Amino acid sequence: MCAFCTMMAGGTHWTEAGTDAGRAAEPESGRARYLGRLHRVALINRILNHYGCAASDWANNQYVVKSHAGRSAMVAHLPQIWAAAEEIAGRPLDPLDPALLDTLRRAAPAGE
């Protein structure tokens, strides 16, 4: 989706359209949006940790991506997290990397 379409669609980025943030009747700074973002960040961090990075929510409208060595970048939307993490980690993040998948399987709670 282009930036103009995103502006016309409203404040929620299209990657969050299917989440509670996209459907919430609460204002953008509402509690449900914040909790949803925290949940997404926790899921993202399960992957980023494998690559020596982590993400956090900042002010309920930005994300901070950091390496465990201290490099950081601020991004606005979910897709930008991956690009920033690749830049910070200095290597591509492969969601189908067998070592990553093995790490995720071992760390998954029972029943997942």
N, C-alpha and C. Protein backbone atom coordinates (compact mmCIF):
# COMPACT_ATOMS: atom_id res chain seq x y z
N MET A 1 0.85 -1.18 0.00
CA MET A 1 0.00 0.00 0.00
C MET A 1 0.89 1.24 0.00
N CYS A 2 0.56 2.21 -0.80
CA CYS A 2 1.37 3.42 -0.87
C CYS A 2 1.09 4.33 0.33
N ALA A 3 1.98 5.27 0.55
CA ALA A 3 1.86 6.16 1.70
C ALA A 3 0.57 6.99 1.62
N PHE A 4 0.19 7.41 0.41
CA PHE A 4 -1.03 8.20 0.27
C PHE A 4 -2.26 7.39 0.66
N CYS A 5 -2.33 6.13 0.25
CA CYS A 5 -3.46 5.27 0.61
C CYS A 5 -3.51 5.06 2.12
N THR A 6 -2.33 4.93 2.73
CA THR A 6 -2.29 4.76 4.17
C THR A 6 -2.86 5.99 4.87
N MET A 7 -2.50 7.17 4.36
CA MET A 7 -3.03 8.40 4.96
C MET A 7 -4.54 8.47 4.79
N MET A 8 -5.04 8.09 3.65
CA MET A 8 -6.49 8.14 3.39
C MET A 8 -7.25 7.12 4.22
N ALA A 9 -6.61 6.01 4.53
CA ALA A 9 -7.27 4.95 5.28
C ALA A 9 -7.35 5.26 6.76
N GLY A 10 -6.58 6.20 7.24
CA GLY A 10 -6.61 6.54 8.66
C GLY A 10 -5.26 6.31 9.30
N GLY A 11 -5.21 6.43 10.62
CA GLY A 11 -3.96 6.37 11.35
C GLY A 11 -3.37 4.98 11.51
N THR A 12 -4.17 3.95 11.43
CA THR A 12 -3.67 2.59 11.64
C THR A 12 -2.99 2.09 10.38
N HIS A 13 -1.78 1.58 10.53
CA HIS A 13 -1.04 1.04 9.39
C HIS A 13 -1.76 -0.21 8.88
N TRP A 14 -1.70 -0.46 7.59
CA TRP A 14 -2.44 -1.59 7.01
C TRP A 14 -2.00 -2.93 7.59
N THR A 15 -0.76 -3.04 8.10
CA THR A 15 -0.31 -4.31 8.68
C THR A 15 -1.01 -4.61 10.00
N GLU A 16 -1.65 -3.62 10.59
CA GLU A 16 -2.40 -3.82 11.82
C GLU A 16 -3.90 -3.85 11.59
N ALA A 17 -4.32 -3.81 10.33
CA ALA A 17 -5.74 -3.75 10.00
C ALA A 17 -6.53 -4.94 10.52
N GLY A 18 -5.94 -6.11 10.55
CA GLY A 18 -6.64 -7.30 11.02
C GLY A 18 -6.52 -7.53 12.51
N THR A 19 -5.86 -6.63 13.22
CA THR A 19 -5.67 -6.78 14.66
C THR A 19 -6.71 -5.98 15.42
N ASP A 20 -6.67 -6.10 16.72
CA ASP A 20 -7.56 -5.29 17.55
C ASP A 20 -7.31 -3.80 17.33
N ALA A 21 -6.06 -3.43 17.03
CA ALA A 21 -5.74 -2.03 16.78
C ALA A 21 -6.50 -1.51 15.57
N GLY A 22 -6.71 -2.35 14.57
CA GLY A 22 -7.42 -1.93 13.38
C GLY A 22 -8.92 -1.88 13.55
N ARG A 23 -9.45 -2.62 14.49
CA ARG A 23 -10.89 -2.67 14.70
C ARG A 23 -11.35 -1.89 15.92
N ALA A 24 -10.42 -1.47 16.75
CA ALA A 24 -10.78 -0.87 18.03
C ALA A 24 -11.59 0.40 17.85
N ALA A 25 -12.62 0.54 18.67
CA ALA A 25 -13.41 1.76 18.69
C ALA A 25 -12.75 2.79 19.60
N GLU A 26 -11.73 2.36 20.33
CA GLU A 26 -11.01 3.26 21.21
C GLU A 26 -10.15 4.21 20.39
N PRO A 27 -9.79 5.34 20.98
CA PRO A 27 -8.85 6.22 20.28
C PRO A 27 -7.50 5.53 20.10
N GLU A 28 -6.69 6.08 19.20
CA GLU A 28 -5.38 5.49 18.88
C GLU A 28 -4.53 5.21 20.12
N SER A 29 -4.69 5.99 21.16
CA SER A 29 -3.87 5.80 22.35
C SER A 29 -4.56 4.90 23.37
N GLY A 30 -5.62 4.21 22.98
CA GLY A 30 -6.40 3.40 23.90
C GLY A 30 -5.65 2.21 24.46
N ARG A 31 -6.17 1.69 25.56
CA ARG A 31 -5.55 0.58 26.27
C ARG A 31 -5.48 -0.69 25.41
N ALA A 32 -6.55 -0.99 24.67
CA ALA A 32 -6.56 -2.20 23.84
C ALA A 32 -5.48 -2.12 22.76
N ARG A 33 -5.31 -0.96 22.17
CA ARG A 33 -4.25 -0.78 21.16
C ARG A 33 -2.89 -1.00 21.78
N TYR A 34 -2.68 -0.43 22.96
CA TYR A 34 -1.40 -0.58 23.64
C TYR A 34 -1.11 -2.04 23.97
N LEU A 35 -2.10 -2.75 24.52
CA LEU A 35 -1.91 -4.15 24.87
C LEU A 35 -1.67 -5.00 23.62
N GLY A 36 -2.37 -4.70 22.54
CA GLY A 36 -2.16 -5.41 21.28
C GLY A 36 -0.75 -5.20 20.75
N ARG A 37 -0.26 -3.97 20.83
CA ARG A 37 1.11 -3.68 20.38
C ARG A 37 2.12 -4.43 21.24
N LEU A 38 1.89 -4.45 22.55
CA LEU A 38 2.81 -5.18 23.43
C LEU A 38 2.83 -6.67 23.09
N HIS A 39 1.67 -7.22 22.77
CA HIS A 39 1.60 -8.64 22.39
C HIS A 39 2.38 -8.89 21.10
N ARG A 40 2.19 -8.02 20.11
CA ARG A 40 2.92 -8.17 18.85
C ARG A 40 4.42 -8.03 19.06
N VAL A 41 4.83 -7.10 19.91
CA VAL A 41 6.25 -6.93 20.20
C VAL A 41 6.81 -8.19 20.85
N ALA A 42 6.06 -8.80 21.76
CA ALA A 42 6.53 -10.03 22.40
C ALA A 42 6.72 -11.14 21.37
N LEU A 43 5.80 -11.27 20.42
CA LEU A 43 5.93 -12.27 19.36
C LEU A 43 7.12 -11.97 18.46
N ILE A 44 7.27 -10.71 18.09
CA ILE A 44 8.39 -10.29 17.24
C ILE A 44 9.72 -10.59 17.93
N ASN A 45 9.77 -10.34 19.23
CA ASN A 45 11.02 -10.55 19.96
C ASN A 45 11.43 -12.02 20.04
N ARG A 46 10.47 -12.91 19.92
CA ARG A 46 10.82 -14.33 19.87
C ARG A 46 11.69 -14.62 18.66
N ILE A 47 11.45 -13.90 17.58
CA ILE A 47 12.24 -14.08 16.36
C ILE A 47 13.52 -13.23 16.42
N LEU A 48 13.37 -11.96 16.78
CA LEU A 48 14.53 -11.06 16.76
C LEU A 48 15.62 -11.50 17.71
N ASN A 49 15.26 -12.11 18.82
CA ASN A 49 16.26 -12.55 19.79
C ASN A 49 17.26 -13.51 19.15
N HIS A 50 16.78 -14.34 18.25
CA HIS A 50 17.65 -15.29 17.54
C HIS A 50 18.74 -14.56 16.75
N TYR A 51 18.44 -13.35 16.30
CA TYR A 51 19.37 -12.57 15.50
C TYR A 51 20.10 -11.50 16.32
N GLY A 52 19.99 -11.57 17.64
CA GLY A 52 20.71 -10.64 18.51
C GLY A 52 20.08 -9.26 18.60
N CYS A 53 18.77 -9.19 18.38
CA CYS A 53 18.05 -7.90 18.42
C CYS A 53 16.80 -8.02 19.29
N ALA A 54 16.21 -6.88 19.56
CA ALA A 54 14.93 -6.84 20.28
C ALA A 54 14.19 -5.58 19.84
N ALA A 55 12.88 -5.60 19.96
CA ALA A 55 12.04 -4.44 19.64
C ALA A 55 11.24 -4.06 20.87
N SER A 56 10.88 -2.80 20.95
CA SER A 56 10.01 -2.34 22.03
C SER A 56 9.07 -1.27 21.49
N ASP A 57 7.96 -1.11 22.16
CA ASP A 57 7.00 -0.08 21.79
C ASP A 57 7.47 1.24 22.38
N TRP A 58 7.28 2.32 21.64
CA TRP A 58 7.65 3.63 22.15
C TRP A 58 6.48 4.58 21.89
N ALA A 59 5.88 5.06 22.95
CA ALA A 59 4.81 6.06 22.88
C ALA A 59 3.57 5.56 22.13
N ASN A 60 3.39 4.27 22.02
CA ASN A 60 2.22 3.67 21.38
C ASN A 60 2.07 4.04 19.91
N ASN A 61 3.14 4.54 19.28
CA ASN A 61 3.05 4.82 17.85
C ASN A 61 4.37 4.66 17.10
N GLN A 62 5.41 4.19 17.77
CA GLN A 62 6.69 3.93 17.15
C GLN A 62 7.25 2.64 17.75
N TYR A 63 8.22 2.08 17.09
CA TYR A 63 8.93 0.92 17.61
C TYR A 63 10.42 1.26 17.67
N VAL A 64 11.10 0.78 18.69
CA VAL A 64 12.54 0.92 18.79
C VAL A 64 13.13 -0.47 18.61
N VAL A 65 14.05 -0.60 17.67
CA VAL A 65 14.74 -1.87 17.41
C VAL A 65 16.17 -1.69 17.89
N LYS A 66 16.62 -2.61 18.75
CA LYS A 66 17.97 -2.52 19.31
C LYS A 66 18.70 -3.84 19.15
N SER A 67 20.00 -3.74 19.00
CA SER A 67 20.83 -4.96 19.03
C SER A 67 21.24 -5.17 20.48
N HIS A 68 21.65 -6.38 20.79
CA HIS A 68 22.13 -6.65 22.15
C HIS A 68 23.44 -5.92 22.40
N ALA A 69 24.09 -5.44 21.33
CA ALA A 69 25.34 -4.70 21.45
C ALA A 69 25.11 -3.20 21.61
N GLY A 70 23.85 -2.75 21.46
CA GLY A 70 23.55 -1.34 21.70
C GLY A 70 23.16 -0.50 20.51
N ARG A 71 23.29 -0.99 19.29
CA ARG A 71 22.83 -0.22 18.12
C ARG A 71 21.31 -0.15 18.15
N SER A 72 20.74 0.97 17.69
CA SER A 72 19.29 1.09 17.72
C SER A 72 18.77 1.91 16.54
N ALA A 73 17.48 1.73 16.28
CA ALA A 73 16.79 2.49 15.24
C ALA A 73 15.34 2.62 15.66
N MET A 74 14.73 3.74 15.29
CA MET A 74 13.32 3.95 15.57
C MET A 74 12.56 3.84 14.25
N VAL A 75 11.46 3.08 14.27
CA VAL A 75 10.65 2.88 13.06
C VAL A 75 9.18 3.07 13.40
N ALA A 76 8.38 3.31 12.38
CA ALA A 76 6.97 3.61 12.60
C ALA A 76 6.05 2.39 12.51
N HIS A 77 6.39 1.41 11.67
CA HIS A 77 5.46 0.32 11.40
C HIS A 77 6.14 -1.04 11.43
N LEU A 78 5.32 -2.08 11.53
CA LEU A 78 5.83 -3.45 11.63
C LEU A 78 6.81 -3.84 10.51
N PRO A 79 6.51 -3.59 9.24
CA PRO A 79 7.44 -4.01 8.20
C PRO A 79 8.83 -3.37 8.35
N GLN A 80 8.87 -2.17 8.88
CA GLN A 80 10.14 -1.47 9.05
C GLN A 80 10.99 -2.11 10.15
N ILE A 81 10.35 -2.83 11.07
CA ILE A 81 11.11 -3.52 12.12
C ILE A 81 12.09 -4.49 11.49
N TRP A 82 11.63 -5.27 10.50
CA TRP A 82 12.48 -6.28 9.88
C TRP A 82 13.66 -5.66 9.15
N ALA A 83 13.40 -4.58 8.41
CA ALA A 83 14.49 -3.90 7.70
C ALA A 83 15.50 -3.32 8.68
N ALA A 84 15.02 -2.71 9.75
CA ALA A 84 15.92 -2.13 10.76
C ALA A 84 16.73 -3.23 11.44
N ALA A 85 16.08 -4.35 11.76
CA ALA A 85 16.79 -5.45 12.42
C ALA A 85 17.86 -6.04 11.52
N GLU A 86 17.59 -6.15 10.22
CA GLU A 86 18.60 -6.65 9.29
C GLU A 86 19.79 -5.69 9.23
N GLU A 87 19.50 -4.41 9.21
CA GLU A 87 20.57 -3.40 9.18
C GLU A 87 21.41 -3.47 10.46
N ILE A 88 20.75 -3.55 11.59
CA ILE A 88 21.44 -3.59 12.88
C ILE A 88 22.22 -4.89 13.06
N ALA A 89 21.60 -6.01 12.68
CA ALA A 89 22.25 -7.31 12.84
C ALA A 89 23.37 -7.52 11.82
N GLY A 90 23.28 -6.79 10.70
CA GLY A 90 24.29 -6.93 9.67
C GLY A 90 24.15 -8.19 8.84
N ARG A 91 22.95 -8.75 8.84
CA ARG A 91 22.69 -9.95 8.03
C ARG A 91 21.20 -10.07 7.77
N PRO A 92 20.81 -10.84 6.77
CA PRO A 92 19.38 -11.00 6.49
C PRO A 92 18.69 -11.81 7.58
N LEU A 93 17.46 -11.47 7.85
CA LEU A 93 16.63 -12.25 8.78
C LEU A 93 15.78 -13.19 7.93
N ASP A 94 16.01 -14.46 8.07
CA ASP A 94 15.31 -15.47 7.28
C ASP A 94 14.27 -16.16 8.16
N PRO A 95 12.97 -15.93 7.93
CA PRO A 95 11.95 -16.55 8.77
C PRO A 95 11.87 -18.07 8.61
N LEU A 96 12.53 -18.61 7.58
CA LEU A 96 12.54 -20.06 7.37
C LEU A 96 13.89 -20.69 7.72
N ASP A 97 14.74 -19.93 8.37
CA ASP A 97 16.04 -20.44 8.81
C ASP A 97 15.82 -21.64 9.73
N PRO A 98 16.35 -22.81 9.39
CA PRO A 98 16.13 -24.01 10.21
C PRO A 98 16.55 -23.82 11.67
N ALA A 99 17.63 -23.09 11.92
CA ALA A 99 18.06 -22.86 13.30
C ALA A 99 17.05 -22.01 14.05
N LEU A 100 16.48 -20.99 13.39
CA LEU A 100 15.44 -20.17 14.01
C LEU A 100 14.21 -21.01 14.33
N LEU A 101 13.76 -21.79 13.35
CA LEU A 101 12.57 -22.62 13.56
C LEU A 101 12.78 -23.61 14.70
N ASP A 102 13.97 -24.17 14.80
CA ASP A 102 14.27 -25.08 15.89
C ASP A 102 14.23 -24.35 17.23
N THR A 103 14.80 -23.16 17.28
CA THR A 103 14.78 -22.35 18.50
C THR A 103 13.34 -22.02 18.90
N LEU A 104 12.52 -21.65 17.94
CA LEU A 104 11.12 -21.31 18.24
C LEU A 104 10.36 -22.53 18.73
N ARG A 105 10.61 -23.68 18.13
CA ARG A 105 9.93 -24.92 18.57
C ARG A 105 10.30 -25.26 20.01
N ARG A 106 11.58 -25.16 20.34
CA ARG A 106 12.04 -25.50 21.69
C ARG A 106 11.50 -24.52 22.73
N ALA A 107 11.31 -23.25 22.33
CA ALA A 107 10.87 -22.22 23.28
C ALA A 107 9.34 -22.14 23.38
N ALA A 108 8.63 -22.81 22.49
CA ALA A 108 7.16 -22.71 22.47
C ALA A 108 6.56 -23.35 23.70
N PRO A 109 5.60 -22.66 24.33
CA PRO A 109 4.89 -23.27 25.45
C PRO A 109 4.14 -24.52 25.01
N ALA A 110 3.89 -25.42 25.93
CA ALA A 110 3.15 -26.65 25.61
C ALA A 110 1.81 -26.29 25.01
N GLY A 111 1.42 -27.01 23.96
CA GLY A 111 0.12 -26.81 23.32
C GLY A 111 0.15 -25.86 22.15
N GLU A 112 1.28 -25.22 21.88
CA GLU A 112 1.35 -24.30 20.74
C GLU A 112 1.77 -25.00 19.49
